[in-house]
């Protein structure tokens, strides 16, 4: 029995020697490989060379070229190039913005009451086929549609004294004057005003 015990101790000591090798003072750990520290350079900001898109402005519907307005020969008589006579042409009286739903147009002969007659159109449709101008105001109301409302006054004659002259006033639905002016046009020519309902 002593020999068995001796044998167990001997095997245990020999195994102890192999198993506990890290306790040996000769053991040296392998140091971690240090990588070279590189200086970190932040990325450069690259400015965009693309220009921002241009702001598209909504075209002003009242910036109207009279030559473009009167170019349709089916609607407007061509200007007569007669030296010294300036009323043988169509006349653009301007464009105006309004928020009203209706408008009242008043008109009368602007000078000597001489039998001037006119025809009135709204968006190229006849509103009044023949009106004689006198010294007192006559009027008509129109219902404005959204956008452009074009009113044409066509001279049917020039009366006894040329040209066909008239004074007109345009009112909104609250009775405020939008525009007041005069026209001087020859027979067959038109005076045009545009109301833009916003």
N, C-alpha and C. Protein backbone atom coordinates (compact mmCIF):
# COMPACT_ATOMS: atom_id res chain seq x y z
N UNK A 1 0.83 -1.18 0.00
CA UNK A 1 0.00 0.00 0.00
C UNK A 1 0.87 1.24 0.00
N UNK A 2 1.99 1.24 0.64
CA UNK A 2 2.89 2.37 0.65
C UNK A 2 3.44 2.61 -0.74
N UNK A 3 3.66 1.56 -1.45
CA UNK A 3 4.22 1.72 -2.79
C UNK A 3 3.19 2.36 -3.74
N UNK A 4 1.90 2.07 -3.51
CA UNK A 4 0.85 2.67 -4.35
C UNK A 4 0.74 4.15 -4.02
N UNK A 5 0.79 4.44 -2.75
CA UNK A 5 0.70 5.84 -2.32
C UNK A 5 1.90 6.62 -2.85
N UNK A 6 3.07 6.01 -2.81
CA UNK A 6 4.27 6.65 -3.30
C UNK A 6 4.16 6.91 -4.80
N UNK A 7 3.64 5.96 -5.48
CA UNK A 7 3.48 6.07 -6.92
C UNK A 7 2.51 7.20 -7.26
N UNK A 8 1.42 7.35 -6.51
CA UNK A 8 0.45 8.42 -6.76
C UNK A 8 1.10 9.77 -6.50
N UNK A 9 1.87 9.90 -5.45
CA UNK A 9 2.53 11.16 -5.12
C UNK A 9 3.53 11.49 -6.21
N UNK A 10 4.26 10.52 -6.64
CA UNK A 10 5.26 10.74 -7.67
C UNK A 10 4.62 11.22 -8.97
N UNK A 11 3.55 10.59 -9.37
CA UNK A 11 2.83 10.99 -10.60
C UNK A 11 2.26 12.39 -10.40
N UNK A 12 1.70 12.66 -9.22
CA UNK A 12 1.12 13.98 -8.95
C UNK A 12 2.16 15.07 -9.02
N UNK A 13 3.38 14.83 -8.48
CA UNK A 13 4.44 15.85 -8.48
C UNK A 13 4.92 16.06 -9.90
N UNK A 14 5.05 15.02 -10.66
CA UNK A 14 5.53 15.17 -12.03
C UNK A 14 4.51 15.95 -12.89
N UNK A 15 3.26 15.66 -12.66
CA UNK A 15 2.23 16.40 -13.40
C UNK A 15 2.18 17.86 -12.95
N UNK A 16 2.44 18.05 -11.68
CA UNK A 16 2.45 19.41 -11.14
C UNK A 16 3.53 20.22 -11.81
N UNK A 17 4.62 19.66 -12.09
CA UNK A 17 5.73 20.37 -12.73
C UNK A 17 5.39 20.79 -14.15
N UNK A 18 4.69 19.94 -14.88
CA UNK A 18 4.31 20.30 -16.26
C UNK A 18 3.14 21.28 -16.30
N UNK A 19 2.21 21.16 -15.38
CA UNK A 19 0.99 21.96 -15.41
C UNK A 19 1.24 23.39 -14.97
N UNK A 20 2.18 23.65 -14.12
CA UNK A 20 2.38 24.98 -13.55
C UNK A 20 3.59 25.66 -14.18
N UNK A 21 3.72 25.57 -15.49
CA UNK A 21 4.86 26.14 -16.17
C UNK A 21 4.81 27.67 -16.16
N UNK A 22 3.58 28.29 -16.15
CA UNK A 22 3.49 29.75 -16.17
C UNK A 22 3.99 30.35 -14.87
N UNK A 23 4.12 29.55 -13.83
CA UNK A 23 4.63 30.07 -12.59
C UNK A 23 6.15 30.17 -12.61
N UNK A 24 6.71 29.64 -13.60
CA UNK A 24 8.15 29.68 -13.76
C UNK A 24 8.58 31.12 -14.01
N UNK A 25 9.65 31.57 -13.38
CA UNK A 25 10.14 32.93 -13.54
C UNK A 25 10.74 33.19 -14.91
N UNK A 26 10.98 32.18 -15.67
CA UNK A 26 11.55 32.35 -16.99
C UNK A 26 10.48 32.72 -18.03
N UNK A 27 9.26 32.65 -17.63
CA UNK A 27 8.14 32.97 -18.57
C UNK A 27 8.13 34.46 -18.88
N UNK A 28 8.12 34.82 -20.16
CA UNK A 28 8.05 36.21 -20.58
C UNK A 28 6.87 36.33 -21.55
N UNK A 29 5.90 37.20 -21.20
CA UNK A 29 4.77 37.38 -22.13
C UNK A 29 5.20 38.13 -23.38
N UNK A 30 4.56 37.83 -24.47
CA UNK A 30 4.86 38.50 -25.74
C UNK A 30 4.14 39.85 -25.72
N UNK A 31 4.89 40.92 -25.86
CA UNK A 31 4.23 42.24 -25.84
C UNK A 31 3.38 42.45 -27.10
N UNK A 32 2.33 43.22 -26.94
CA UNK A 32 1.46 43.52 -28.09
C UNK A 32 2.21 44.42 -29.05
N UNK A 33 2.01 44.16 -30.31
CA UNK A 33 2.70 44.94 -31.33
C UNK A 33 2.03 46.31 -31.41
N UNK A 34 2.81 47.33 -31.16
CA UNK A 34 2.26 48.68 -31.22
C UNK A 34 2.30 49.17 -32.66
N UNK A 35 1.10 49.61 -33.12
CA UNK A 35 1.06 50.16 -34.48
C UNK A 35 1.50 51.61 -34.43
N UNK A 36 2.02 52.06 -35.52
CA UNK A 36 2.46 53.45 -35.57
C UNK A 36 1.22 54.35 -35.52
N UNK A 37 1.28 55.34 -34.67
CA UNK A 37 0.15 56.27 -34.55
C UNK A 37 0.28 57.29 -35.67
N UNK A 38 -0.76 57.29 -36.53
CA UNK A 38 -0.77 58.25 -37.63
C UNK A 38 -1.63 59.44 -37.24
N UNK A 39 -1.22 60.60 -37.72
CA UNK A 39 -1.98 61.80 -37.44
C UNK A 39 -3.26 61.77 -38.28
N UNK A 40 -4.37 61.97 -37.61
CA UNK A 40 -5.64 61.92 -38.31
C UNK A 40 -5.91 63.29 -38.93
N UNK A 41 -6.06 63.31 -40.24
CA UNK A 41 -6.34 64.56 -40.95
C UNK A 41 -7.82 64.58 -41.30
N UNK A 42 -8.55 65.61 -40.81
CA UNK A 42 -9.98 65.65 -41.12
C UNK A 42 -10.19 65.90 -42.61
N UNK A 43 -11.27 65.37 -43.16
CA UNK A 43 -11.51 65.58 -44.59
C UNK A 43 -11.80 67.05 -44.89
N UNK A 44 -11.36 67.48 -46.05
CA UNK A 44 -11.57 68.87 -46.45
C UNK A 44 -13.01 69.04 -46.90
N UNK A 45 -13.54 70.20 -46.55
CA UNK A 45 -14.90 70.51 -47.02
C UNK A 45 -14.81 70.97 -48.45
N UNK A 46 -15.59 70.34 -49.29
CA UNK A 46 -15.59 70.70 -50.70
C UNK A 46 -16.83 71.55 -50.95
N UNK A 47 -16.59 72.75 -51.38
CA UNK A 47 -17.74 73.62 -51.66
C UNK A 47 -18.39 73.18 -52.97
N UNK A 48 -19.70 73.20 -52.96
CA UNK A 48 -20.42 72.78 -54.16
C UNK A 48 -20.28 73.86 -55.23
N UNK A 49 -20.02 73.42 -56.41
CA UNK A 49 -19.88 74.36 -57.52
C UNK A 49 -21.19 74.53 -58.26
N UNK A 50 -22.21 73.84 -57.78
CA UNK A 50 -23.52 73.95 -58.42
C UNK A 50 -24.22 75.18 -57.85
N UNK A 51 -24.60 76.06 -58.72
CA UNK A 51 -25.29 77.28 -58.28
C UNK A 51 -26.72 76.90 -57.88
N UNK A 52 -27.24 77.57 -56.85
CA UNK A 52 -28.62 77.27 -56.47
C UNK A 52 -29.56 77.63 -57.62
N UNK A 53 -30.68 76.93 -57.72
CA UNK A 53 -31.59 77.22 -58.83
C UNK A 53 -32.11 78.65 -58.74
N UNK A 54 -32.25 79.24 -59.89
CA UNK A 54 -32.76 80.61 -59.95
C UNK A 54 -34.21 80.63 -59.49
N UNK A 55 -34.54 81.68 -58.79
CA UNK A 55 -35.91 81.82 -58.30
C UNK A 55 -36.79 82.19 -59.49
N UNK A 56 -37.78 81.38 -59.70
CA UNK A 56 -38.69 81.63 -60.82
C UNK A 56 -39.79 82.55 -60.33
N UNK A 57 -39.83 83.71 -60.90
CA UNK A 57 -40.87 84.66 -60.51
C UNK A 57 -42.11 84.42 -61.35
N UNK A 58 -43.21 84.51 -60.67
CA UNK A 58 -44.48 84.36 -61.37
C UNK A 58 -44.65 85.57 -62.29
N UNK A 59 -44.94 85.33 -63.56
CA UNK A 59 -45.07 86.47 -64.45
C UNK A 59 -46.26 87.35 -64.06
N UNK A 60 -46.05 88.65 -64.21
CA UNK A 60 -47.11 89.60 -63.89
C UNK A 60 -48.10 89.60 -65.04
N UNK A 61 -49.35 89.20 -64.79
CA UNK A 61 -50.33 89.13 -65.88
C UNK A 61 -50.69 90.49 -66.45
N UNK A 62 -50.32 91.55 -65.76
CA UNK A 62 -50.68 92.89 -66.24
C UNK A 62 -49.55 93.55 -67.03
N UNK A 63 -48.40 92.89 -67.13
CA UNK A 63 -47.33 93.42 -67.97
C UNK A 63 -47.63 92.97 -69.40
N UNK A 64 -48.37 93.80 -70.08
CA UNK A 64 -48.84 93.44 -71.41
C UNK A 64 -48.23 94.39 -72.42
N UNK A 65 -47.71 93.81 -73.49
CA UNK A 65 -47.20 94.60 -74.60
C UNK A 65 -48.38 94.90 -75.51
N UNK A 66 -48.73 96.18 -75.69
CA UNK A 66 -49.87 96.51 -76.55
C UNK A 66 -49.75 95.93 -77.96
N UNK A 67 -48.53 95.84 -78.48
CA UNK A 67 -48.35 95.26 -79.82
C UNK A 67 -48.82 93.81 -79.83
N UNK A 68 -48.53 93.07 -78.74
CA UNK A 68 -48.98 91.68 -78.64
C UNK A 68 -50.49 91.60 -78.44
N UNK A 69 -51.01 92.53 -77.65
CA UNK A 69 -52.44 92.55 -77.36
C UNK A 69 -53.26 92.80 -78.61
N UNK A 70 -52.80 93.70 -79.46
CA UNK A 70 -53.57 94.10 -80.63
C UNK A 70 -53.13 93.42 -81.93
N UNK A 71 -52.37 92.32 -81.84
CA UNK A 71 -51.84 91.71 -83.07
C UNK A 71 -52.86 90.86 -83.83
N UNK A 72 -53.94 90.44 -83.19
CA UNK A 72 -54.93 89.59 -83.87
C UNK A 72 -55.79 90.46 -84.81
N UNK A 73 -55.64 90.29 -86.13
CA UNK A 73 -56.39 91.13 -87.07
C UNK A 73 -57.90 90.84 -87.08
N UNK A 74 -58.30 89.70 -86.53
CA UNK A 74 -59.72 89.38 -86.45
C UNK A 74 -60.42 90.15 -85.33
N UNK A 75 -59.64 90.59 -84.35
CA UNK A 75 -60.22 91.31 -83.21
C UNK A 75 -59.92 92.80 -83.24
N UNK A 76 -58.77 93.18 -83.80
CA UNK A 76 -58.34 94.58 -83.75
C UNK A 76 -57.94 95.07 -85.14
N UNK A 77 -58.40 96.26 -85.45
CA UNK A 77 -58.07 96.91 -86.71
C UNK A 77 -56.60 97.32 -86.70
N UNK A 78 -55.94 97.16 -87.85
CA UNK A 78 -54.53 97.51 -87.95
C UNK A 78 -54.36 99.02 -87.89
N UNK A 79 -53.29 99.45 -87.24
CA UNK A 79 -53.00 100.87 -87.08
C UNK A 79 -52.77 101.52 -88.44
N UNK A 80 -53.35 102.69 -88.64
CA UNK A 80 -53.16 103.45 -89.87
C UNK A 80 -51.99 104.40 -89.68
N UNK A 81 -51.02 104.30 -90.55
CA UNK A 81 -49.85 105.16 -90.46
C UNK A 81 -50.07 106.43 -91.26
N UNK A 82 -50.83 107.34 -90.68
CA UNK A 82 -51.10 108.62 -91.34
C UNK A 82 -50.38 109.69 -90.54
N UNK A 83 -49.52 110.43 -91.20
CA UNK A 83 -48.72 111.44 -90.51
C UNK A 83 -49.62 112.52 -89.92
N UNK A 84 -49.40 112.81 -88.64
CA UNK A 84 -50.15 113.86 -87.96
C UNK A 84 -51.46 113.40 -87.34
N UNK A 85 -51.91 112.18 -87.64
CA UNK A 85 -53.15 111.66 -87.05
C UNK A 85 -52.76 110.52 -86.12
N UNK A 86 -52.94 110.75 -84.81
CA UNK A 86 -52.48 109.78 -83.83
C UNK A 86 -53.60 108.94 -83.24
N UNK A 87 -54.83 109.17 -83.63
CA UNK A 87 -55.93 108.42 -83.04
C UNK A 87 -56.38 107.25 -83.92
N UNK A 88 -55.75 107.04 -85.05
CA UNK A 88 -56.11 105.91 -85.92
C UNK A 88 -55.30 104.68 -85.49
N UNK A 89 -55.54 104.31 -84.24
CA UNK A 89 -54.84 103.15 -83.66
C UNK A 89 -55.64 102.67 -82.46
N UNK A 90 -55.36 101.45 -82.04
CA UNK A 90 -55.96 100.91 -80.81
C UNK A 90 -55.22 101.51 -79.62
N UNK A 91 -55.90 101.61 -78.51
CA UNK A 91 -55.31 102.27 -77.34
C UNK A 91 -55.44 101.35 -76.13
N UNK A 92 -54.30 101.03 -75.51
CA UNK A 92 -54.29 100.23 -74.28
C UNK A 92 -54.37 101.18 -73.09
N UNK A 93 -55.42 101.04 -72.30
CA UNK A 93 -55.67 101.95 -71.19
C UNK A 93 -55.12 101.45 -69.85
N UNK A 94 -54.49 100.29 -69.85
CA UNK A 94 -53.85 99.77 -68.64
C UNK A 94 -54.53 98.54 -68.07
N UNK A 95 -53.82 97.91 -67.15
CA UNK A 95 -54.33 96.73 -66.47
C UNK A 95 -54.31 96.97 -64.97
N UNK A 96 -55.30 96.42 -64.28
CA UNK A 96 -55.44 96.69 -62.85
C UNK A 96 -55.87 95.43 -62.13
N UNK A 97 -55.33 95.23 -60.92
CA UNK A 97 -55.69 94.07 -60.10
C UNK A 97 -56.82 94.44 -59.15
N UNK A 98 -57.70 93.48 -58.92
CA UNK A 98 -58.79 93.68 -57.98
C UNK A 98 -59.16 92.34 -57.35
N UNK A 99 -59.76 92.41 -56.18
CA UNK A 99 -60.24 91.19 -55.52
C UNK A 99 -61.76 91.14 -55.53
N UNK A 100 -62.40 92.13 -56.16
CA UNK A 100 -63.86 92.16 -56.16
C UNK A 100 -64.44 91.14 -57.13
N UNK A 101 -65.69 90.79 -56.87
CA UNK A 101 -66.38 89.80 -57.69
C UNK A 101 -67.11 90.45 -58.87
N UNK A 102 -67.46 91.72 -58.71
CA UNK A 102 -68.11 92.46 -59.79
C UNK A 102 -67.41 93.79 -59.98
N UNK A 103 -67.66 94.39 -61.12
CA UNK A 103 -67.10 95.70 -61.40
C UNK A 103 -68.15 96.51 -62.16
N UNK A 104 -68.17 97.81 -61.90
CA UNK A 104 -69.08 98.71 -62.59
C UNK A 104 -68.24 99.62 -63.48
N UNK A 105 -68.63 99.70 -64.76
CA UNK A 105 -67.94 100.56 -65.71
C UNK A 105 -68.90 101.68 -66.10
N UNK A 106 -68.45 102.92 -65.89
CA UNK A 106 -69.25 104.10 -66.25
C UNK A 106 -68.52 104.83 -67.37
N UNK A 107 -69.27 105.42 -68.31
CA UNK A 107 -68.65 106.09 -69.44
C UNK A 107 -69.57 107.21 -69.94
N UNK A 108 -68.95 108.20 -70.59
CA UNK A 108 -69.69 109.30 -71.19
C UNK A 108 -68.78 109.98 -72.22
N UNK A 109 -69.35 110.87 -73.02
CA UNK A 109 -68.56 111.62 -73.98
C UNK A 109 -67.65 112.56 -73.19
N UNK A 110 -66.37 112.56 -73.54
CA UNK A 110 -65.39 113.33 -72.76
C UNK A 110 -65.31 114.78 -73.19
N UNK A 111 -65.71 115.07 -74.40
CA UNK A 111 -65.59 116.45 -74.89
C UNK A 111 -66.97 116.94 -75.32
N UNK A 112 -67.01 117.60 -76.44
CA UNK A 112 -68.26 118.11 -77.00
C UNK A 112 -69.15 116.92 -77.36
N UNK A 113 -70.41 116.93 -76.93
CA UNK A 113 -71.33 115.84 -77.25
C UNK A 113 -71.67 115.97 -78.74
N UNK A 114 -71.08 115.05 -79.52
CA UNK A 114 -71.17 115.16 -80.98
C UNK A 114 -71.69 113.89 -81.65
N UNK A 115 -72.32 113.01 -80.88
CA UNK A 115 -72.92 111.81 -81.48
C UNK A 115 -72.00 110.61 -81.55
N UNK A 116 -70.96 110.55 -80.70
CA UNK A 116 -70.07 109.38 -80.67
C UNK A 116 -70.86 108.14 -80.27
N UNK A 117 -70.56 107.02 -80.94
CA UNK A 117 -71.19 105.74 -80.61
C UNK A 117 -70.09 104.70 -80.41
N UNK A 118 -70.34 103.78 -79.46
CA UNK A 118 -69.37 102.73 -79.17
C UNK A 118 -70.06 101.37 -79.06
N UNK A 119 -69.26 100.33 -79.16
CA UNK A 119 -69.68 98.96 -78.91
C UNK A 119 -68.78 98.44 -77.80
N UNK A 120 -69.34 97.69 -76.84
CA UNK A 120 -68.56 97.23 -75.68
C UNK A 120 -68.45 95.71 -75.69
N UNK A 121 -67.24 95.23 -75.46
CA UNK A 121 -66.94 93.79 -75.42
C UNK A 121 -66.38 93.44 -74.04
N UNK A 122 -66.68 92.23 -73.59
CA UNK A 122 -66.04 91.65 -72.40
C UNK A 122 -65.47 90.32 -72.81
N UNK A 123 -64.15 90.19 -72.74
CA UNK A 123 -63.44 88.98 -73.17
C UNK A 123 -63.87 88.57 -74.57
N UNK A 124 -63.89 89.55 -75.48
CA UNK A 124 -64.20 89.39 -76.91
C UNK A 124 -65.64 88.99 -77.20
N UNK A 125 -66.52 89.13 -76.24
CA UNK A 125 -67.96 88.88 -76.45
C UNK A 125 -68.70 90.20 -76.27
N UNK A 126 -69.64 90.47 -77.15
CA UNK A 126 -70.35 91.75 -77.12
C UNK A 126 -71.23 91.84 -75.87
N UNK A 127 -71.08 92.96 -75.14
CA UNK A 127 -71.89 93.25 -73.97
C UNK A 127 -72.97 94.26 -74.34
N UNK A 128 -72.56 95.32 -75.04
CA UNK A 128 -73.47 96.36 -75.52
C UNK A 128 -73.19 96.55 -77.02
N UNK A 129 -74.16 96.24 -77.89
CA UNK A 129 -73.90 96.32 -79.34
C UNK A 129 -73.78 97.75 -79.87
N UNK A 130 -74.51 98.71 -79.28
CA UNK A 130 -74.40 100.10 -79.72
C UNK A 130 -74.88 101.01 -78.61
N UNK A 131 -73.99 101.94 -78.23
CA UNK A 131 -74.31 102.90 -77.18
C UNK A 131 -73.95 104.29 -77.69
N UNK A 132 -74.88 105.23 -77.59
CA UNK A 132 -74.59 106.63 -77.93
C UNK A 132 -74.06 107.32 -76.69
N UNK A 133 -72.93 108.01 -76.85
CA UNK A 133 -72.33 108.71 -75.72
C UNK A 133 -72.93 110.11 -75.61
N UNK A 134 -73.31 110.49 -74.41
CA UNK A 134 -73.77 111.85 -74.17
C UNK A 134 -73.06 112.41 -72.95
N UNK A 135 -73.52 113.52 -72.44
CA UNK A 135 -72.83 114.20 -71.34
C UNK A 135 -73.01 113.57 -69.98
N UNK A 136 -73.98 112.66 -69.83
CA UNK A 136 -74.19 112.01 -68.53
C UNK A 136 -73.62 110.59 -68.57
N UNK A 137 -73.23 110.11 -67.41
CA UNK A 137 -72.63 108.78 -67.33
C UNK A 137 -73.68 107.69 -67.55
N UNK A 138 -73.29 106.70 -68.34
CA UNK A 138 -74.05 105.45 -68.46
C UNK A 138 -73.14 104.38 -67.85
N UNK A 139 -73.75 103.29 -67.43
CA UNK A 139 -72.92 102.27 -66.79
C UNK A 139 -73.44 100.87 -67.07
N UNK A 140 -72.57 99.92 -66.85
CA UNK A 140 -72.96 98.51 -66.88
C UNK A 140 -72.09 97.78 -65.87
N UNK A 141 -72.62 96.68 -65.36
CA UNK A 141 -71.89 95.86 -64.38
C UNK A 141 -71.45 94.58 -65.05
N UNK A 142 -70.28 94.11 -64.63
CA UNK A 142 -69.80 92.82 -65.12
C UNK A 142 -69.42 91.95 -63.93
N UNK A 143 -69.62 90.67 -64.10
CA UNK A 143 -69.18 89.70 -63.10
C UNK A 143 -67.78 89.28 -63.51
N UNK A 144 -66.82 89.49 -62.62
CA UNK A 144 -65.44 89.18 -62.93
C UNK A 144 -65.14 87.70 -62.74
N UNK A 145 -64.44 87.14 -63.68
CA UNK A 145 -63.98 85.75 -63.56
C UNK A 145 -62.55 85.79 -63.04
N UNK A 146 -62.10 84.70 -62.43
CA UNK A 146 -60.74 84.65 -61.92
C UNK A 146 -59.76 84.81 -63.08
N UNK A 147 -58.78 85.65 -62.89
CA UNK A 147 -57.79 85.88 -63.94
C UNK A 147 -58.11 87.13 -64.73
N UNK A 148 -57.82 87.09 -66.02
CA UNK A 148 -57.93 88.27 -66.88
C UNK A 148 -59.35 88.49 -67.37
N UNK A 149 -59.82 89.73 -67.24
CA UNK A 149 -61.10 90.18 -67.76
C UNK A 149 -60.79 91.38 -68.67
N UNK A 150 -60.92 91.18 -69.97
CA UNK A 150 -60.56 92.22 -70.94
C UNK A 150 -61.81 92.95 -71.41
N UNK A 151 -61.80 94.27 -71.30
CA UNK A 151 -62.94 95.09 -71.71
C UNK A 151 -62.48 95.96 -72.88
N UNK A 152 -63.17 95.84 -74.01
CA UNK A 152 -62.87 96.63 -75.20
C UNK A 152 -64.01 97.60 -75.48
N UNK A 153 -63.66 98.83 -75.80
CA UNK A 153 -64.62 99.84 -76.23
C UNK A 153 -64.28 100.15 -77.70
N UNK A 154 -65.14 99.74 -78.61
CA UNK A 154 -64.89 99.97 -80.04
C UNK A 154 -65.63 101.21 -80.50
N UNK A 155 -64.92 102.08 -81.20
CA UNK A 155 -65.54 103.29 -81.74
C UNK A 155 -66.31 102.93 -83.01
N UNK A 156 -67.63 103.13 -82.99
CA UNK A 156 -68.45 102.85 -84.17
C UNK A 156 -68.44 104.04 -85.13
N UNK A 157 -68.16 105.21 -84.60
CA UNK A 157 -68.02 106.41 -85.43
C UNK A 157 -67.16 107.42 -84.69
N UNK A 158 -67.01 108.60 -85.29
CA UNK A 158 -66.24 109.67 -84.64
C UNK A 158 -67.10 110.89 -84.37
N UNK A 159 -68.40 110.76 -84.53
CA UNK A 159 -69.28 111.90 -84.30
C UNK A 159 -68.99 113.02 -85.29
N UNK A 160 -69.36 114.25 -84.92
CA UNK A 160 -69.13 115.39 -85.80
C UNK A 160 -67.69 115.89 -85.71
N UNK A 161 -67.05 115.63 -84.57
CA UNK A 161 -65.67 116.09 -84.36
C UNK A 161 -64.79 114.88 -84.04
N UNK A 162 -63.77 114.67 -84.88
CA UNK A 162 -62.88 113.52 -84.68
C UNK A 162 -61.96 113.80 -83.49
N UNK A 163 -61.50 112.80 -82.80
CA UNK A 163 -61.85 111.38 -82.86
C UNK A 163 -63.01 111.05 -81.93
N UNK A 164 -63.27 109.75 -81.75
CA UNK A 164 -64.26 109.28 -80.80
C UNK A 164 -63.61 109.44 -79.42
N UNK A 165 -64.18 110.29 -78.60
CA UNK A 165 -63.60 110.58 -77.28
C UNK A 165 -64.57 110.16 -76.20
N UNK A 166 -64.05 109.63 -75.13
CA UNK A 166 -64.91 109.24 -74.01
C UNK A 166 -64.11 109.25 -72.73
N UNK A 167 -64.83 109.49 -71.66
CA UNK A 167 -64.27 109.39 -70.31
C UNK A 167 -64.87 108.13 -69.70
N UNK A 168 -64.07 107.36 -69.00
CA UNK A 168 -64.61 106.16 -68.35
C UNK A 168 -64.07 106.05 -66.93
N UNK A 169 -64.84 105.35 -66.10
CA UNK A 169 -64.46 105.08 -64.71
C UNK A 169 -64.77 103.63 -64.42
N UNK A 170 -63.87 102.97 -63.70
CA UNK A 170 -64.06 101.56 -63.34
C UNK A 170 -64.08 101.48 -61.81
N UNK A 171 -65.14 100.85 -61.28
CA UNK A 171 -65.32 100.74 -59.83
C UNK A 171 -65.32 99.26 -59.43
N UNK A 172 -64.86 99.00 -58.19
CA UNK A 172 -64.97 97.64 -57.66
C UNK A 172 -66.34 97.47 -56.99
N UNK A 173 -66.58 96.31 -56.37
CA UNK A 173 -67.90 96.04 -55.79
C UNK A 173 -68.18 96.84 -54.52
N UNK A 174 -67.16 97.56 -54.00
CA UNK A 174 -67.37 98.41 -52.81
C UNK A 174 -67.55 99.87 -53.20
N UNK A 175 -67.51 100.17 -54.49
CA UNK A 175 -67.67 101.54 -54.96
C UNK A 175 -66.39 102.34 -55.03
N UNK A 176 -65.23 101.67 -54.86
CA UNK A 176 -63.94 102.34 -54.94
C UNK A 176 -63.50 102.40 -56.41
N UNK A 177 -62.97 103.54 -56.81
CA UNK A 177 -62.51 103.70 -58.20
C UNK A 177 -61.23 102.90 -58.39
N UNK A 178 -61.25 102.01 -59.38
CA UNK A 178 -60.06 101.24 -59.75
C UNK A 178 -59.24 102.05 -60.75
N UNK A 179 -59.94 102.66 -61.70
CA UNK A 179 -59.26 103.47 -62.72
C UNK A 179 -60.24 104.45 -63.33
N UNK A 180 -59.73 105.59 -63.75
CA UNK A 180 -60.51 106.58 -64.48
C UNK A 180 -59.59 107.20 -65.50
N UNK A 181 -60.05 107.28 -66.74
CA UNK A 181 -59.21 107.82 -67.79
C UNK A 181 -60.08 108.20 -68.99
N UNK A 182 -59.43 108.49 -70.12
CA UNK A 182 -60.13 108.84 -71.35
C UNK A 182 -59.52 108.08 -72.51
N UNK A 183 -60.30 107.95 -73.58
CA UNK A 183 -59.75 107.39 -74.81
C UNK A 183 -60.03 108.34 -75.95
N UNK A 184 -59.19 108.23 -76.97
CA UNK A 184 -59.31 108.99 -78.21
C UNK A 184 -58.96 108.02 -79.34
N UNK A 185 -59.97 107.44 -79.97
CA UNK A 185 -59.72 106.45 -81.03
C UNK A 185 -60.56 106.78 -82.26
N UNK A 186 -60.08 106.31 -83.39
CA UNK A 186 -60.80 106.49 -84.63
C UNK A 186 -61.82 105.39 -84.84
N UNK A 187 -62.64 105.55 -85.86
CA UNK A 187 -63.70 104.58 -86.17
C UNK A 187 -63.10 103.20 -86.43
N UNK A 188 -63.66 102.19 -85.76
CA UNK A 188 -63.20 100.81 -85.92
C UNK A 188 -62.09 100.41 -84.98
N UNK A 189 -61.50 101.36 -84.30
CA UNK A 189 -60.43 101.05 -83.36
C UNK A 189 -61.00 100.86 -81.96
N UNK A 190 -60.21 100.22 -81.10
CA UNK A 190 -60.68 99.88 -79.77
C UNK A 190 -59.78 100.45 -78.69
N UNK A 191 -60.41 100.82 -77.59
CA UNK A 191 -59.69 101.18 -76.36
C UNK A 191 -59.89 99.99 -75.41
N UNK A 192 -58.81 99.51 -74.82
CA UNK A 192 -58.87 98.28 -74.03
C UNK A 192 -58.36 98.50 -72.62
N UNK A 193 -59.09 97.95 -71.66
CA UNK A 193 -58.67 97.94 -70.26
C UNK A 193 -58.73 96.49 -69.79
N UNK A 194 -57.81 96.12 -68.90
CA UNK A 194 -57.79 94.76 -68.37
C UNK A 194 -57.92 94.81 -66.86
N UNK A 195 -58.85 94.03 -66.34
CA UNK A 195 -59.01 93.86 -64.89
C UNK A 195 -58.60 92.44 -64.56
N UNK A 196 -57.66 92.30 -63.65
CA UNK A 196 -57.18 90.98 -63.24
C UNK A 196 -57.76 90.67 -61.87
N UNK A 197 -58.65 89.68 -61.81
CA UNK A 197 -59.24 89.29 -60.53
C UNK A 197 -58.32 88.31 -59.84
N UNK A 198 -57.83 88.71 -58.65
CA UNK A 198 -56.91 87.85 -57.89
C UNK A 198 -57.69 86.78 -57.14
